[in-house]
Amino acid sequence: MQKFLNALPLLAIAVLVWFHFHQPNSDKPKLAKPPSQTESRRCQVVEGSIYDGDTFRVRCDNQEQKIRLCGIDAPEAKQPLGIESRNYLRSLVAQAKGQVIVIEMDRDKYGRSVAEVLLESPSGEQSVQEEMLKAGMAYHYKQYSSNCHNRDVFDIAEEMGRSQQRGVWGFPNGGERPWDYRKQNQS
């Protein structure tokens, strides 16, 4: 019991330090914490696997899986800004040295893991979806974002890109949406 009482002041200091360094940055939208039943995993993006601005492969625990970013839809490769969107995602991943945190929300009809993905940076965790939307390199895919914990943040991020006419928002009315493009170009 005496050892416990002696350690109590150190425990209190540790808790205070933890809270101090884990305060959210007040000048950016706050990411929602996933519910406790949602598991987050640290993964490595497979080199050369970023196909477009919303899909890539990761290796988690020696297993490879395809990830579809929850709540966003990036221009297709043949659309204006399709290649730029893919390259922007590549640059975000490169800044994090390929290390990502994957929070799986669902599986889609193609068997891909639909997930929110975070990058670790010196300033804290950074949402890939949020960054893609702020840069105008993707659209908030509201029809498929109901399971995304940060869908409200995605709305704010997209509005930031739109108001600054970044990326797709430089085109009249934001250009052709990827979902419309796919529908018109189905084989």
C-alpha atoms as a PDB file:
ATOM      1  CA  MET A   1       0.000   0.000   0.000  1.00  0.00           C
ATOM      2  CA  GLN A   2       2.853   2.379   0.840  1.00  0.00           C
ATOM      3  CA  LYS A   3       4.385   1.878  -2.646  1.00  0.00           C
ATOM      4  CA  PHE A   4       1.044   2.842  -4.193  1.00  0.00           C
ATOM      5  CA  LEU A   5       0.787   5.991  -2.059  1.00  0.00           C
ATOM      6  CA  ASN A   6       4.374   6.954  -2.947  1.00  0.00           C
ATOM      7  CA  ALA A   7       3.625   6.558  -6.692  1.00  0.00           C
ATOM      8  CA  LEU A   8       0.391   8.577  -6.570  1.00  0.00           C
ATOM      9  CA  PRO A   9       2.003  12.027  -7.092  1.00  0.00           C
ATOM     10  CA  LEU A  10       3.909  10.709 -10.136  1.00  0.00           C
ATOM     11  CA  LEU A  11       0.720   9.232 -11.568  1.00  0.00           C
ATOM     12  CA  ALA A  12      -1.092  12.550 -11.136  1.00  0.00           C
ATOM     13  CA  ILE A  13       1.722  14.396 -12.931  1.00  0.00           C
ATOM     14  CA  ALA A  14       1.686  11.862 -15.774  1.00  0.00           C
ATOM     15  CA  VAL A  15      -2.063  12.313 -16.240  1.00  0.00           C
ATOM     16  CA  LEU A  16      -1.733  16.117 -16.301  1.00  0.00           C
ATOM     17  CA  VAL A  17       1.110  15.973 -18.841  1.00  0.00           C
ATOM     18  CA  TRP A  18      -0.880  13.579 -21.049  1.00  0.00           C
ATOM     19  CA  PHE A  19      -3.916  15.904 -21.044  1.00  0.00           C
ATOM     20  CA  HIS A  20      -1.722  18.923 -21.769  1.00  0.00           C
ATOM     21  CA  PHE A  21      -0.135  17.374 -24.856  1.00  0.00           C
ATOM     22  CA  HIS A  22      -3.352  15.822 -26.161  1.00  0.00           C
ATOM     23  CA  GLN A  23      -5.411  18.987 -26.331  1.00  0.00           C
ATOM     24  CA  PRO A  24      -6.855  19.403 -29.866  1.00  0.00           C
ATOM     25  CA  ASN A  25      -5.636  22.228 -32.069  1.00  0.00           C
ATOM     26  CA  SER A  26      -8.432  24.810 -31.799  1.00  0.00           C
ATOM     27  CA  ASP A  27      -8.003  26.331 -35.274  1.00  0.00           C
ATOM     28  CA  LYS A  28      -9.022  23.243 -37.229  1.00  0.00           C
ATOM     29  CA  PRO A  29     -12.098  21.018 -37.251  1.00  0.00           C
ATOM     30  CA  LYS A  30     -11.985  18.422 -34.528  1.00  0.00           C
ATOM     31  CA  LEU A  31     -11.891  14.778 -35.565  1.00  0.00           C
ATOM     32  CA  ALA A  32     -14.436  12.566 -33.878  1.00  0.00           C
ATOM     33  CA  LYS A  33     -13.109   9.668 -31.895  1.00  0.00           C
ATOM     34  CA  PRO A  34     -14.333   6.341 -33.216  1.00  0.00           C
ATOM     35  CA  PRO A  35     -16.548   4.303 -30.925  1.00  0.00           C
ATOM     36  CA  SER A  36     -14.715   1.772 -28.792  1.00  0.00           C
ATOM     37  CA  GLN A  37     -15.841  -1.199 -30.914  1.00  0.00           C
ATOM     38  CA  THR A  38     -14.091   0.280 -33.969  1.00  0.00           C
ATOM     39  CA  GLU A  39     -10.522  -0.906 -34.170  1.00  0.00           C
ATOM     40  CA  SER A  40      -7.757   1.279 -35.510  1.00  0.00           C
ATOM     41  CA  ARG A  41      -4.647  -0.351 -36.945  1.00  0.00           C
ATOM     42  CA  ARG A  42      -1.271   1.024 -37.899  1.00  0.00           C
ATOM     43  CA  CYS A  43      -0.473   0.002 -41.451  1.00  0.00           C
ATOM     44  CA  GLN A  44       2.039   0.616 -44.214  1.00  0.00           C
ATOM     45  CA  VAL A  45       0.806   1.786 -47.617  1.00  0.00           C
ATOM     46  CA  VAL A  46       2.050  -0.667 -50.247  1.00  0.00           C
ATOM     47  CA  GLU A  47       4.487   1.114 -52.533  1.00  0.00           C
ATOM     48  CA  GLY A  48       3.048   1.854 -55.969  1.00  0.00           C
ATOM     49  CA  SER A  49      -0.497   0.955 -54.908  1.00  0.00           C
ATOM     50  CA  ILE A  50      -2.155   4.368 -54.878  1.00  0.00           C
ATOM     51  CA  TYR A  51      -4.468   3.901 -57.852  1.00  0.00           C
ATOM     52  CA  ASP A  52      -6.378   7.149 -57.606  1.00  0.00           C
ATOM     53  CA  GLY A  53      -7.304   9.779 -55.049  1.00  0.00           C
ATOM     54  CA  ASP A  54      -9.454   7.494 -52.924  1.00  0.00           C
ATOM     55  CA  THR A  55      -8.140   3.919 -53.207  1.00  0.00           C
ATOM     56  CA  PHE A  56      -4.884   2.179 -52.263  1.00  0.00           C
ATOM     57  CA  ARG A  57      -3.465  -0.966 -50.691  1.00  0.00           C
ATOM     58  CA  VAL A  58      -2.013  -1.317 -47.208  1.00  0.00           C
ATOM     59  CA  ARG A  59      -0.167  -4.008 -45.305  1.00  0.00           C
ATOM     60  CA  CYS A  60      -1.393  -4.510 -41.740  1.00  0.00           C
ATOM     61  CA  ASP A  61      -0.048  -7.340 -39.590  1.00  0.00           C
ATOM     62  CA  ASN A  62       1.485  -9.040 -42.648  1.00  0.00           C
ATOM     63  CA  GLN A  63      -1.851  -8.990 -44.474  1.00  0.00           C
ATOM     64  CA  GLU A  64      -2.493  -6.868 -47.534  1.00  0.00           C
ATOM     65  CA  GLN A  65      -5.868  -5.252 -48.130  1.00  0.00           C
ATOM     66  CA  LYS A  66      -7.385  -2.697 -50.460  1.00  0.00           C
ATOM     67  CA  ILE A  67      -8.686   0.481 -48.830  1.00  0.00           C
ATOM     68  CA  ARG A  68     -11.449   2.735 -50.144  1.00  0.00           C
ATOM     69  CA  LEU A  69     -11.475   6.065 -48.322  1.00  0.00           C
ATOM     70  CA  CYS A  70     -14.760   6.491 -46.474  1.00  0.00           C
ATOM     71  CA  GLY A  71     -16.895   9.471 -47.425  1.00  0.00           C
ATOM     72  CA  ILE A  72     -14.971  10.907 -50.360  1.00  0.00           C
ATOM     73  CA  ASP A  73     -14.889  10.361 -54.109  1.00  0.00           C
ATOM     74  CA  ALA A  74     -11.924  11.568 -56.150  1.00  0.00           C
ATOM     75  CA  PRO A  75     -11.940  12.329 -59.882  1.00  0.00           C
ATOM     76  CA  GLU A  76     -11.326   9.294 -62.075  1.00  0.00           C
ATOM     77  CA  ALA A  77      -7.945   9.082 -63.830  1.00  0.00           C
ATOM     78  CA  LYS A  78      -9.432  10.156 -67.195  1.00  0.00           C
ATOM     79  CA  GLN A  79     -11.270  13.125 -65.666  1.00  0.00           C
ATOM     80  CA  PRO A  80      -9.715  16.566 -65.255  1.00  0.00           C
ATOM     81  CA  LEU A  81      -7.592  16.546 -62.081  1.00  0.00           C
ATOM     82  CA  GLY A  82      -7.796  12.744 -61.803  1.00  0.00           C
ATOM     83  CA  ILE A  83      -4.021  12.285 -62.018  1.00  0.00           C
ATOM     84  CA  GLU A  84      -3.414  15.366 -59.835  1.00  0.00           C
ATOM     85  CA  SER A  85      -5.755  13.948 -57.190  1.00  0.00           C
ATOM     86  CA  ARG A  86      -3.870  10.627 -57.187  1.00  0.00           C
ATOM     87  CA  ASN A  87      -0.543  12.466 -56.967  1.00  0.00           C
ATOM     88  CA  TYR A  88      -1.773  14.635 -54.112  1.00  0.00           C
ATOM     89  CA  LEU A  89      -2.744  11.518 -52.155  1.00  0.00           C
ATOM     90  CA  ARG A  90       0.689  10.070 -52.923  1.00  0.00           C
ATOM     91  CA  SER A  91       2.322  13.219 -51.548  1.00  0.00           C
ATOM     92  CA  LEU A  92       0.291  13.070 -48.328  1.00  0.00           C
ATOM     93  CA  VAL A  93       1.257   9.434 -47.800  1.00  0.00           C
ATOM     94  CA  ALA A  94       4.909  10.170 -48.618  1.00  0.00           C
ATOM     95  CA  GLN A  95       5.000  12.918 -45.965  1.00  0.00           C
ATOM     96  CA  ALA A  96       3.970  10.277 -43.414  1.00  0.00           C
ATOM     97  CA  LYS A  97       6.571   7.831 -44.797  1.00  0.00           C
ATOM     98  CA  GLY A  98       3.754   5.501 -45.819  1.00  0.00           C
ATOM     99  CA  GLN A  99       2.571   4.994 -42.234  1.00  0.00           C
ATOM    100  CA  VAL A 100      -1.190   5.296 -41.771  1.00  0.00           C
ATOM    101  CA  ILE A 101      -3.810   4.544 -39.178  1.00  0.00           C
ATOM    102  CA  VAL A 102      -6.752   2.663 -40.685  1.00  0.00           C
ATOM    103  CA  ILE A 103     -10.159   2.756 -39.002  1.00  0.00           C
ATOM    104  CA  GLU A 104     -12.386   0.353 -40.898  1.00  0.00           C
ATOM    105  CA  MET A 105     -16.039   1.359 -41.145  1.00  0.00           C
ATOM    106  CA  ASP A 106     -17.428  -1.183 -43.592  1.00  0.00           C
ATOM    107  CA  ARG A 107     -16.762  -3.377 -46.622  1.00  0.00           C
ATOM    108  CA  ASP A 108     -18.001  -2.401 -50.066  1.00  0.00           C
ATOM    109  CA  LYS A 109     -19.494  -4.630 -52.764  1.00  0.00           C
ATOM    110  CA  TYR A 110     -15.986  -5.155 -54.207  1.00  0.00           C
ATOM    111  CA  GLY A 111     -14.649  -6.492 -50.898  1.00  0.00           C
ATOM    112  CA  ARG A 112     -12.584  -3.390 -50.168  1.00  0.00           C
ATOM    113  CA  SER A 113     -12.248  -2.088 -46.646  1.00  0.00           C
ATOM    114  CA  VAL A 114     -14.066   1.260 -46.436  1.00  0.00           C
ATOM    115  CA  ALA A 115     -12.090   3.211 -43.871  1.00  0.00           C
ATOM    116  CA  GLU A 116     -11.180   6.530 -42.411  1.00  0.00           C
ATOM    117  CA  VAL A 117      -7.436   6.937 -42.680  1.00  0.00           C
ATOM    118  CA  LEU A 118      -5.179   9.112 -40.558  1.00  0.00           C
ATOM    119  CA  LEU A 119      -1.595  10.179 -41.099  1.00  0.00           C
ATOM    120  CA  GLU A 120       0.705  10.873 -38.200  1.00  0.00           C
ATOM    121  CA  SER A 121       2.493  14.186 -38.371  1.00  0.00           C
ATOM    122  CA  PRO A 122       4.492  16.282 -35.897  1.00  0.00           C
ATOM    123  CA  SER A 123       1.346  18.328 -35.241  1.00  0.00           C
ATOM    124  CA  GLY A 124      -0.748  15.224 -34.526  1.00  0.00           C
ATOM    125  CA  GLU A 125      -3.070  12.973 -36.466  1.00  0.00           C
ATOM    126  CA  GLN A 126      -4.271  14.285 -39.797  1.00  0.00           C
ATOM    127  CA  SER A 127      -7.304  12.949 -41.685  1.00  0.00           C
ATOM    128  CA  VAL A 128      -6.485  11.933 -45.261  1.00  0.00           C
ATOM    129  CA  GLN A 129     -10.095  12.600 -46.276  1.00  0.00           C
ATOM    130  CA  GLU A 130     -10.067  16.054 -44.719  1.00  0.00           C
ATOM    131  CA  GLU A 131      -6.834  17.009 -46.488  1.00  0.00           C
ATOM    132  CA  MET A 132      -8.080  15.741 -49.865  1.00  0.00           C
ATOM    133  CA  LEU A 133     -11.285  17.754 -49.483  1.00  0.00           C
ATOM    134  CA  LYS A 134      -9.567  20.960 -48.352  1.00  0.00           C
ATOM    135  CA  ALA A 135      -7.272  20.755 -51.383  1.00  0.00           C
ATOM    136  CA  GLY A 136     -10.222  20.271 -53.725  1.00  0.00           C
ATOM    137  CA  MET A 137      -8.818  16.901 -54.801  1.00  0.00           C
ATOM    138  CA  ALA A 138     -12.007  15.007 -53.889  1.00  0.00           C
ATOM    139  CA  TYR A 139     -15.697  15.531 -53.242  1.00  0.00           C
ATOM    140  CA  HIS A 140     -17.568  14.691 -50.068  1.00  0.00           C
ATOM    141  CA  TYR A 141     -19.500  11.586 -51.151  1.00  0.00           C
ATOM    142  CA  LYS A 142     -22.447  12.217 -48.848  1.00  0.00           C
ATOM    143  CA  GLN A 143     -24.460   9.314 -50.210  1.00  0.00           C
ATOM    144  CA  TYR A 144     -21.818   6.971 -48.753  1.00  0.00           C
ATOM    145  CA  SER A 145     -20.581   8.820 -45.686  1.00  0.00           C
ATOM    146  CA  SER A 146     -23.214   7.893 -43.101  1.00  0.00           C
ATOM    147  CA  ASN A 147     -20.831   5.362 -41.473  1.00  0.00           C
ATOM    148  CA  CYS A 148     -17.908   7.813 -41.399  1.00  0.00           C
ATOM    149  CA  HIS A 149     -17.255   9.178 -37.925  1.00  0.00           C
ATOM    150  CA  ASN A 150     -15.981  12.487 -39.317  1.00  0.00           C
ATOM    151  CA  ARG A 151     -18.617  13.214 -41.976  1.00  0.00           C
ATOM    152  CA  ASP A 152     -19.325  16.625 -40.384  1.00  0.00           C
ATOM    153  CA  VAL A 153     -15.620  17.492 -40.607  1.00  0.00           C
ATOM    154  CA  PHE A 154     -15.731  16.435 -44.272  1.00  0.00           C
ATOM    155  CA  ASP A 155     -18.505  18.993 -44.912  1.00  0.00           C
ATOM    156  CA  ILE A 156     -16.382  21.746 -43.374  1.00  0.00           C
ATOM    157  CA  ALA A 157     -13.245  20.665 -45.258  1.00  0.00           C
ATOM    158  CA  GLU A 158     -15.075  20.553 -48.593  1.00  0.00           C
ATOM    159  CA  GLU A 159     -16.496  24.009 -47.983  1.00  0.00           C
ATOM    160  CA  MET A 160     -12.970  25.294 -47.303  1.00  0.00           C
ATOM    161  CA  GLY A 161     -11.791  23.943 -50.667  1.00  0.00           C
ATOM    162  CA  ARG A 162     -14.866  25.316 -52.431  1.00  0.00           C
ATOM    163  CA  SER A 163     -14.591  28.794 -50.901  1.00  0.00           C
ATOM    164  CA  GLN A 164     -10.942  29.030 -51.972  1.00  0.00           C
ATOM    165  CA  GLN A 165     -11.727  27.553 -55.416  1.00  0.00           C
ATOM    166  CA  ARG A 166      -9.061  24.918 -54.975  1.00  0.00           C
ATOM    167  CA  GLY A 167      -8.765  21.883 -57.217  1.00  0.00           C
ATOM    168  CA  VAL A 168     -12.097  20.745 -58.644  1.00  0.00           C
ATOM    169  CA  TRP A 169     -13.740  23.911 -57.339  1.00  0.00           C
ATOM    170  CA  GLY A 170     -11.788  25.905 -59.929  1.00  0.00           C
ATOM    171  CA  PHE A 171     -14.183  24.490 -62.552  1.00  0.00           C
ATOM    172  CA  PRO A 172     -17.692  25.931 -63.053  1.00  0.00           C
ATOM    173  CA  ASN A 173     -20.004  24.313 -60.484  1.00  0.00           C
ATOM    174  CA  GLY A 174     -17.140  22.128 -59.272  1.00  0.00           C
ATOM    175  CA  GLY A 175     -16.870  20.138 -62.502  1.00  0.00           C
ATOM    176  CA  GLU A 176     -18.343  16.731 -63.243  1.00  0.00           C
ATOM    177  CA  ARG A 177     -18.686  14.550 -60.169  1.00  0.00           C
ATOM    178  CA  PRO A 178     -16.904  11.161 -60.363  1.00  0.00           C
ATOM    179  CA  TRP A 179     -20.128   9.237 -59.666  1.00  0.00           C
ATOM    180  CA  ASP A 180     -21.795  10.975 -62.653  1.00  0.00           C
ATOM    181  CA  TYR A 181     -18.734  10.335 -64.818  1.00  0.00           C
ATOM    182  CA  ARG A 182     -18.779   6.614 -63.968  1.00  0.00           C
ATOM    183  CA  LYS A 183     -22.493   6.349 -64.697  1.00  0.00           C
ATOM    184  CA  GLN A 184     -22.043   7.954 -68.157  1.00  0.00           C
ATOM    185  CA  ASN A 185     -18.985   5.864 -69.016  1.00  0.00           C
ATOM    186  CA  GLN A 186     -20.136   2.396 -67.971  1.00  0.00           C
ATOM    187  CA  SER A 187     -19.301  -0.298 -70.492  1.00  0.00           C
END
